[in-house]
């Protein structure tokens, strides 16, 4: 059975149920499977993002148009 077929079968079952307990269980499965992307980053990547956020808060950035003009020759 393909993954697409399984998805369709699950969607059908989901749409047919009126049991809130089943819906809560399904939702909890998805919540448990979610990965926190922040914790999967290296400390260096986290620090770079934090630095970027501080710079943005201090308005230390270049407009997107300025950056795109700089890289036009590679398009």
PDB file of N, CA and C in Angstrom:
ATOM      1  N   UNK A   1       0.851  -1.181   0.000  1.00  0.00           N
ATOM      2  CA  UNK A   1       0.000   0.000   0.000  1.00  0.00           C
ATOM      3  C   UNK A   1       0.895   1.243   0.000  1.00  0.00           C
ATOM      4  N   UNK A   2       0.597   2.178  -0.868  1.00  0.00           N
ATOM      5  CA  UNK A   2       1.413   3.394  -0.968  1.00  0.00           C
ATOM      6  C   UNK A   2       1.048   4.372   0.149  1.00  0.00           C
ATOM      7  N   UNK A   3       1.960   5.283   0.382  1.00  0.00           N
ATOM      8  CA  UNK A   3       1.715   6.277   1.414  1.00  0.00           C
ATOM      9  C   UNK A   3       0.527   7.172   1.052  1.00  0.00           C
ATOM     10  N   UNK A   4       0.354   7.441  -0.231  1.00  0.00           N
ATOM     11  CA  UNK A   4      -0.781   8.266  -0.663  1.00  0.00           C
ATOM     12  C   UNK A   4      -2.113   7.569  -0.406  1.00  0.00           C
ATOM     13  N   UNK A   5      -2.145   6.268  -0.633  1.00  0.00           N
ATOM     14  CA  UNK A   5      -3.360   5.500  -0.364  1.00  0.00           C
ATOM     15  C   UNK A   5      -3.661   5.509   1.122  1.00  0.00           C
ATOM     16  N   UNK A   6      -2.644   5.344   1.924  1.00  0.00           N
ATOM     17  CA  UNK A   6      -2.821   5.367   3.376  1.00  0.00           C
ATOM     18  C   UNK A   6      -3.344   6.720   3.841  1.00  0.00           C
ATOM     19  N   UNK A   7      -2.796   7.786   3.284  1.00  0.00           N
ATOM     20  CA  UNK A   7      -3.264   9.129   3.638  1.00  0.00           C
ATOM     21  C   UNK A   7      -4.742   9.297   3.304  1.00  0.00           C
ATOM     22  N   UNK A   8      -5.131   8.845   2.124  1.00  0.00           N
ATOM     23  CA  UNK A   8      -6.532   8.969   1.715  1.00  0.00           C
ATOM     24  C   UNK A   8      -7.457   8.171   2.627  1.00  0.00           C
ATOM     25  N   UNK A   9      -7.022   6.981   2.994  1.00  0.00           N
ATOM     26  CA  UNK A   9      -7.836   6.166   3.899  1.00  0.00           C
ATOM     27  C   UNK A   9      -7.971   6.838   5.265  1.00  0.00           C
ATOM     28  N   UNK A  10      -6.868   7.389   5.750  1.00  0.00           N
ATOM     29  CA  UNK A  10      -6.915   8.078   7.042  1.00  0.00           C
ATOM     30  C   UNK A  10      -7.785   9.330   6.976  1.00  0.00           C
ATOM     31  N   UNK A  11      -7.701  10.063   5.882  1.00  0.00           N
ATOM     32  CA  UNK A  11      -8.554  11.248   5.726  1.00  0.00           C
ATOM     33  C   UNK A  11     -10.019  10.848   5.733  1.00  0.00           C
ATOM     34  N   UNK A  12     -10.333   9.771   5.049  1.00  0.00           N
ATOM     35  CA  UNK A  12     -11.716   9.293   5.014  1.00  0.00           C
ATOM     36  C   UNK A  12     -12.191   8.929   6.423  1.00  0.00           C
ATOM     37  N   UNK A  13     -11.385   8.183   7.145  1.00  0.00           N
ATOM     38  CA  UNK A  13     -11.745   7.802   8.509  1.00  0.00           C
ATOM     39  C   UNK A  13     -11.879   9.023   9.407  1.00  0.00           C
ATOM     40  N   UNK A  14     -10.975   9.963   9.260  1.00  0.00           N
ATOM     41  CA  UNK A  14     -11.010  11.178  10.055  1.00  0.00           C
ATOM     42  C   UNK A  14     -12.285  11.976   9.809  1.00  0.00           C
ATOM     43  N   UNK A  15     -12.656  12.094   8.541  1.00  0.00           N
ATOM     44  CA  UNK A  15     -13.863  12.848   8.198  1.00  0.00           C
ATOM     45  C   UNK A  15     -15.143  12.151   8.660  1.00  0.00           C
ATOM     46  N   UNK A  16     -15.093  10.842   8.777  1.00  0.00           N
ATOM     47  CA  UNK A  16     -16.284  10.081   9.157  1.00  0.00           C
ATOM     48  C   UNK A  16     -16.521  10.029  10.667  1.00  0.00           C
ATOM     49  N   UNK A  17     -15.461  10.164  11.463  1.00  0.00           N
ATOM     50  CA  UNK A  17     -15.624   9.994  12.903  1.00  0.00           C
ATOM     51  C   UNK A  17     -16.300  11.183  13.563  1.00  0.00           C
ATOM     52  N   UNK A  18     -17.074  10.857  14.569  1.00  0.00           N
ATOM     53  CA  UNK A  18     -17.696  11.882  15.396  1.00  0.00           C
ATOM     54  C   UNK A  18     -17.184  11.782  16.832  1.00  0.00           C
ATOM     55  N   UNK A  19     -16.200  10.917  17.031  1.00  0.00           N
ATOM     56  CA  UNK A  19     -15.667  10.691  18.373  1.00  0.00           C
ATOM     57  C   UNK A  19     -14.521  11.665  18.647  1.00  0.00           C
ATOM     58  N   UNK A  20     -14.768  12.548  19.579  1.00  0.00           N
ATOM     59  CA  UNK A  20     -13.753  13.538  19.921  1.00  0.00           C
ATOM     60  C   UNK A  20     -12.508  12.882  20.520  1.00  0.00           C
ATOM     61  N   UNK A  21     -12.703  11.774  21.222  1.00  0.00           N
ATOM     62  CA  UNK A  21     -11.558  11.089  21.833  1.00  0.00           C
ATOM     63  C   UNK A  21     -10.569  10.603  20.768  1.00  0.00           C
ATOM     64  N   UNK A  22     -11.074  10.139  19.642  1.00  0.00           N
ATOM     65  CA  UNK A  22     -10.203   9.688  18.557  1.00  0.00           C
ATOM     66  C   UNK A  22      -9.451  10.879  17.964  1.00  0.00           C
ATOM     67  N   UNK A  23     -10.154  11.971  17.765  1.00  0.00           N
ATOM     68  CA  UNK A  23      -9.519  13.163  17.209  1.00  0.00           C
ATOM     69  C   UNK A  23      -8.409  13.681  18.133  1.00  0.00           C
ATOM     70  N   UNK A  24      -8.664  13.647  19.446  1.00  0.00           N
ATOM     71  CA  UNK A  24      -7.647  14.089  20.406  1.00  0.00           C
ATOM     72  C   UNK A  24      -6.423  13.183  20.357  1.00  0.00           C
ATOM     73  N   UNK A  25      -6.643  11.883  20.227  1.00  0.00           N
ATOM     74  CA  UNK A  25      -5.524  10.939  20.148  1.00  0.00           C
ATOM     75  C   UNK A  25      -4.695  11.180  18.892  1.00  0.00           C
ATOM     76  N   UNK A  26      -5.363  11.381  17.782  1.00  0.00           N
ATOM     77  CA  UNK A  26      -4.650  11.635  16.523  1.00  0.00           C
ATOM     78  C   UNK A  26      -3.849  12.924  16.635  1.00  0.00           C
ATOM     79  N   UNK A  27      -4.459  13.945  17.185  1.00  0.00           N
ATOM     80  CA  UNK A  27      -3.765  15.218  17.356  1.00  0.00           C
ATOM     81  C   UNK A  27      -2.552  15.059  18.255  1.00  0.00           C
ATOM     82  N   UNK A  28      -2.678  14.284  19.317  1.00  0.00           N
ATOM     83  CA  UNK A  28      -1.550  14.098  20.229  1.00  0.00           C
ATOM     84  C   UNK A  28      -0.396  13.359  19.552  1.00  0.00           C
ATOM     85  N   UNK A  29      -0.705  12.440  18.640  1.00  0.00           N
ATOM     86  CA  UNK A  29       0.347  11.737  17.895  1.00  0.00           C
ATOM     87  C   UNK A  29       1.144  12.738  17.077  1.00  0.00           C
ATOM     88  N   UNK A  30       0.462  13.638  16.392  1.00  0.00           N
ATOM     89  CA  UNK A  30       1.153  14.647  15.593  1.00  0.00           C
ATOM     90  C   UNK A  30       1.979  15.581  16.475  1.00  0.00           C
ATOM     91  N   UNK A  31       1.441  15.969  17.608  1.00  0.00           N
ATOM     92  CA  UNK A  31       2.171  16.862  18.509  1.00  0.00           C
ATOM     93  C   UNK A  31       3.427  16.192  19.060  1.00  0.00           C
ATOM     94  N   UNK A  32       3.340  14.914  19.369  1.00  0.00           N
ATOM     95  CA  UNK A  32       4.491  14.174  19.889  1.00  0.00           C
ATOM     96  C   UNK A  32       5.580  14.026  18.837  1.00  0.00           C
ATOM     97  N   UNK A  33       5.192  13.942  17.581  1.00  0.00           N
ATOM     98  CA  UNK A  33       6.143  13.733  16.489  1.00  0.00           C
ATOM     99  C   UNK A  33       6.811  15.016  16.009  1.00  0.00           C
ATOM    100  N   UNK A  34       6.281  16.147  16.438  1.00  0.00           N
ATOM    101  CA  UNK A  34       6.865  17.408  15.988  1.00  0.00           C
ATOM    102  C   UNK A  34       8.264  17.557  16.566  1.00  0.00           C
ATOM    103  N   UNK A  35       9.160  18.023  15.719  1.00  0.00           N
ATOM    104  CA  UNK A  35      10.543  18.215  16.117  1.00  0.00           C
ATOM    105  C   UNK A  35      10.779  19.703  16.329  1.00  0.00           C
ATOM    106  N   UNK A  36      11.458  20.019  17.405  1.00  0.00           N
ATOM    107  CA  UNK A  36      11.812  21.412  17.663  1.00  0.00           C
ATOM    108  C   UNK A  36      13.055  21.741  16.849  1.00  0.00           C
ATOM    109  N   UNK A  37      12.876  22.471  15.764  1.00  0.00           N
ATOM    110  CA  UNK A  37      13.982  22.766  14.860  1.00  0.00           C
ATOM    111  C   UNK A  37      15.092  23.526  15.555  1.00  0.00           C
ATOM    112  N   UNK A  38      14.764  24.331  16.557  1.00  0.00           N
ATOM    113  CA  UNK A  38      15.780  25.101  17.259  1.00  0.00           C
ATOM    114  C   UNK A  38      16.768  24.184  17.974  1.00  0.00           C
ATOM    115  N   UNK A  39      16.261  23.166  18.635  1.00  0.00           N
ATOM    116  CA  UNK A  39      17.142  22.275  19.388  1.00  0.00           C
ATOM    117  C   UNK A  39      17.974  21.385  18.467  1.00  0.00           C
ATOM    118  N   UNK A  40      17.580  21.274  17.216  1.00  0.00           N
ATOM    119  CA  UNK A  40      18.347  20.470  16.266  1.00  0.00           C
ATOM    120  C   UNK A  40      19.477  21.256  15.604  1.00  0.00           C
ATOM    121  N   UNK A  41      19.512  22.560  15.841  1.00  0.00           N
ATOM    122  CA  UNK A  41      20.579  23.395  15.281  1.00  0.00           C
ATOM    123  C   UNK A  41      21.805  23.326  16.174  1.00  0.00           C
ATOM    124  N   UNK A  42      22.942  23.587  15.571  1.00  0.00           N
ATOM    125  CA  UNK A  42      24.173  23.653  16.360  1.00  0.00           C
ATOM    126  C   UNK A  42      24.156  24.943  17.185  1.00  0.00           C
ATOM    127  N   UNK A  43      24.988  24.986  18.199  1.00  0.00           N
ATOM    128  CA  UNK A  43      25.095  26.193  19.032  1.00  0.00           C
ATOM    129  C   UNK A  43      25.537  27.391  18.180  1.00  0.00           C
ATOM    130  N   UNK A  44      26.428  27.131  17.221  1.00  0.00           N
ATOM    131  CA  UNK A  44      26.902  28.207  16.349  1.00  0.00           C
ATOM    132  C   UNK A  44      25.748  28.786  15.529  1.00  0.00           C
ATOM    133  N   UNK A  45      24.899  27.901  14.977  1.00  0.00           N
ATOM    134  CA  UNK A  45      23.743  28.371  14.191  1.00  0.00           C
ATOM    135  C   UNK A  45      22.786  29.166  15.075  1.00  0.00           C
ATOM    136  N   UNK A  46      22.562  28.690  16.292  1.00  0.00           N
ATOM    137  CA  UNK A  46      21.680  29.406  17.216  1.00  0.00           C
ATOM    138  C   UNK A  46      22.231  30.792  17.532  1.00  0.00           C
ATOM    139  N   UNK A  47      23.536  30.874  17.767  1.00  0.00           N
ATOM    140  CA  UNK A  47      24.162  32.160  18.063  1.00  0.00           C
ATOM    141  C   UNK A  47      24.071  33.116  16.880  1.00  0.00           C
ATOM    142  N   UNK A  48      24.240  32.584  15.669  1.00  0.00           N
ATOM    143  CA  UNK A  48      24.148  33.437  14.477  1.00  0.00           C
ATOM    144  C   UNK A  48      22.745  34.005  14.324  1.00  0.00           C
ATOM    145  N   UNK A  49      21.741  33.199  14.606  1.00  0.00           N
ATOM    146  CA  UNK A  49      20.355  33.687  14.528  1.00  0.00           C
ATOM    147  C   UNK A  49      20.101  34.745  15.592  1.00  0.00           C
ATOM    148  N   UNK A  50      20.574  34.482  16.803  1.00  0.00           N
ATOM    149  CA  UNK A  50      20.401  35.460  17.883  1.00  0.00           C
ATOM    150  C   UNK A  50      21.075  36.778  17.528  1.00  0.00           C
ATOM    151  N   UNK A  51      22.273  36.692  16.965  1.00  0.00           N
ATOM    152  CA  UNK A  51      22.991  37.898  16.544  1.00  0.00           C
ATOM    153  C   UNK A  51      22.192  38.650  15.480  1.00  0.00           C
ATOM    154  N   UNK A  52      21.655  37.923  14.517  1.00  0.00           N
ATOM    155  CA  UNK A  52      20.851  38.538  13.465  1.00  0.00           C
ATOM    156  C   UNK A  52      19.613  39.225  14.013  1.00  0.00           C
ATOM    157  N   UNK A  53      18.982  38.623  14.997  1.00  0.00           N
ATOM    158  CA  UNK A  53      17.793  39.229  15.599  1.00  0.00           C
ATOM    159  C   UNK A  53      18.145  40.518  16.337  1.00  0.00           C
ATOM    160  N   UNK A  54      19.266  40.516  17.057  1.00  0.00           N
ATOM    161  CA  UNK A  54      19.713  41.724  17.748  1.00  0.00           C
ATOM    162  C   UNK A  54      20.016  42.817  16.730  1.00  0.00           C
ATOM    163  N   UNK A  55      20.701  42.453  15.643  1.00  0.00           N
ATOM    164  CA  UNK A  55      21.011  43.434  14.599  1.00  0.00           C
ATOM    165  C   UNK A  55      19.728  43.991  13.986  1.00  0.00           C
ATOM    166  N   UNK A  56      18.748  43.135  13.750  1.00  0.00           N
ATOM    167  CA  UNK A  56      17.480  43.600  13.180  1.00  0.00           C
ATOM    168  C   UNK A  56      16.771  44.542  14.150  1.00  0.00           C
ATOM    169  N   UNK A  57      16.792  44.191  15.438  1.00  0.00           N
ATOM    170  CA  UNK A  57      16.174  45.071  16.447  1.00  0.00           C
ATOM    171  C   UNK A  57      16.842  46.440  16.479  1.00  0.00           C
ATOM    172  N   UNK A  58      18.156  46.459  16.214  1.00  0.00           N
ATOM    173  CA  UNK A  58      18.907  47.716  16.212  1.00  0.00           C
ATOM    174  C   UNK A  58      18.920  48.380  14.837  1.00  0.00           C
ATOM    175  N   UNK A  59      18.104  47.849  13.930  1.00  0.00           N
ATOM    176  CA  UNK A  59      18.001  48.359  12.560  1.00  0.00           C
ATOM    177  C   UNK A  59      19.341  48.344  11.833  1.00  0.00           C
ATOM    178  N   UNK A  60      20.138  47.321  12.106  1.00  0.00           N
ATOM    179  CA  UNK A  60      21.437  47.139  11.455  1.00  0.00           C
ATOM    180  C   UNK A  60      21.284  46.087  10.348  1.00  0.00           C
ATOM    181  N   UNK A  61      20.615  46.487   9.285  1.00  0.00           N
ATOM    182  CA  UNK A  61      20.379  45.558   8.181  1.00  0.00           C
ATOM    183  C   UNK A  61      20.311  46.326   6.873  1.00  0.00           C
ATOM    184  N   UNK A  62      20.356  45.575   5.781  1.00  0.00           N
ATOM    185  CA  UNK A  62      20.235  46.175   4.456  1.00  0.00           C
ATOM    186  C   UNK A  62      18.884  45.768   3.864  1.00  0.00           C
ATOM    187  N   UNK A  63      18.307  46.656   3.104  1.00  0.00           N
ATOM    188  CA  UNK A  63      17.026  46.360   2.460  1.00  0.00           C
ATOM    189  C   UNK A  63      17.201  45.204   1.479  1.00  0.00           C
ATOM    190  N   UNK A  64      16.178  44.404   1.326  1.00  0.00           N
ATOM    191  CA  UNK A  64      16.222  43.256   0.416  1.00  0.00           C
ATOM    192  C   UNK A  64      16.601  43.686  -0.997  1.00  0.00           C
ATOM    193  N   UNK A  65      16.075  44.810  -1.444  1.00  0.00           N
ATOM    194  CA  UNK A  65      16.373  45.293  -2.795  1.00  0.00           C
ATOM    195  C   UNK A  65      17.871  45.543  -2.970  1.00  0.00           C
ATOM    196  N   UNK A  66      18.509  46.069  -1.941  1.00  0.00           N
ATOM    197  CA  UNK A  66      19.947  46.347  -2.007  1.00  0.00           C
ATOM    198  C   UNK A  66      20.738  45.050  -2.133  1.00  0.00           C
ATOM    199  N   UNK A  67      20.364  44.078  -1.366  1.00  0.00           N
ATOM    200  CA  UNK A  67      21.050  42.788  -1.397  1.00  0.00           C
ATOM    201  C   UNK A  67      20.834  42.111  -2.749  1.00  0.00           C
ATOM    202  N   UNK A  68      19.613  42.142  -3.247  1.00  0.00           N
ATOM    203  CA  UNK A  68      19.310  41.488  -4.518  1.00  0.00           C
ATOM    204  C   UNK A  68      20.071  42.134  -5.675  1.00  0.00           C
ATOM    205  N   UNK A  69      20.230  43.455  -5.653  1.00  0.00           N
ATOM    206  CA  UNK A  69      20.999  44.124  -6.708  1.00  0.00           C
ATOM    207  C   UNK A  69      22.442  43.652  -6.708  1.00  0.00           C
ATOM    208  N   UNK A  70      22.983  43.417  -5.533  1.00  0.00           N
ATOM    209  CA  UNK A  70      24.368  42.974  -5.421  1.00  0.00           C
ATOM    210  C   UNK A  70      24.565  41.600  -6.071  1.00  0.00           C
ATOM    211  N   UNK A  71      23.549  40.767  -6.009  1.00  0.00           N
ATOM    212  CA  UNK A  71      23.669  39.401  -6.513  1.00  0.00           C
ATOM    213  C   UNK A  71      22.996  39.188  -7.872  1.00  0.00           C
ATOM    214  N   UNK A  72      22.569  40.273  -8.524  1.00  0.00           N
ATOM    215  CA  UNK A  72      21.894  40.182  -9.819  1.00  0.00           C
ATOM    216  C   UNK A  72      22.712  39.433 -10.865  1.00  0.00           C
ATOM    217  N   UNK A  73      24.000  39.653 -10.875  1.00  0.00           N
ATOM    218  CA  UNK A  73      24.827  39.064 -11.925  1.00  0.00           C
ATOM    219  C   UNK A  73      24.846  37.544 -11.877  1.00  0.00           C
ATOM    220  N   UNK A  74      24.439  36.936 -10.771  1.00  0.00           N
ATOM    221  CA  UNK A  74      24.420  35.474 -10.666  1.00  0.00           C
ATOM    222  C   UNK A  74      23.056  34.886 -11.005  1.00  0.00           C
ATOM    223  N   UNK A  75      22.105  35.719 -11.324  1.00  0.00           N
ATOM    224  CA  UNK A  75      20.757  35.190 -11.664  1.00  0.00           C
ATOM    225  C   UNK A  75      20.720  34.714 -13.051  1.00  0.00           C
TER     226      UNK A  75
END
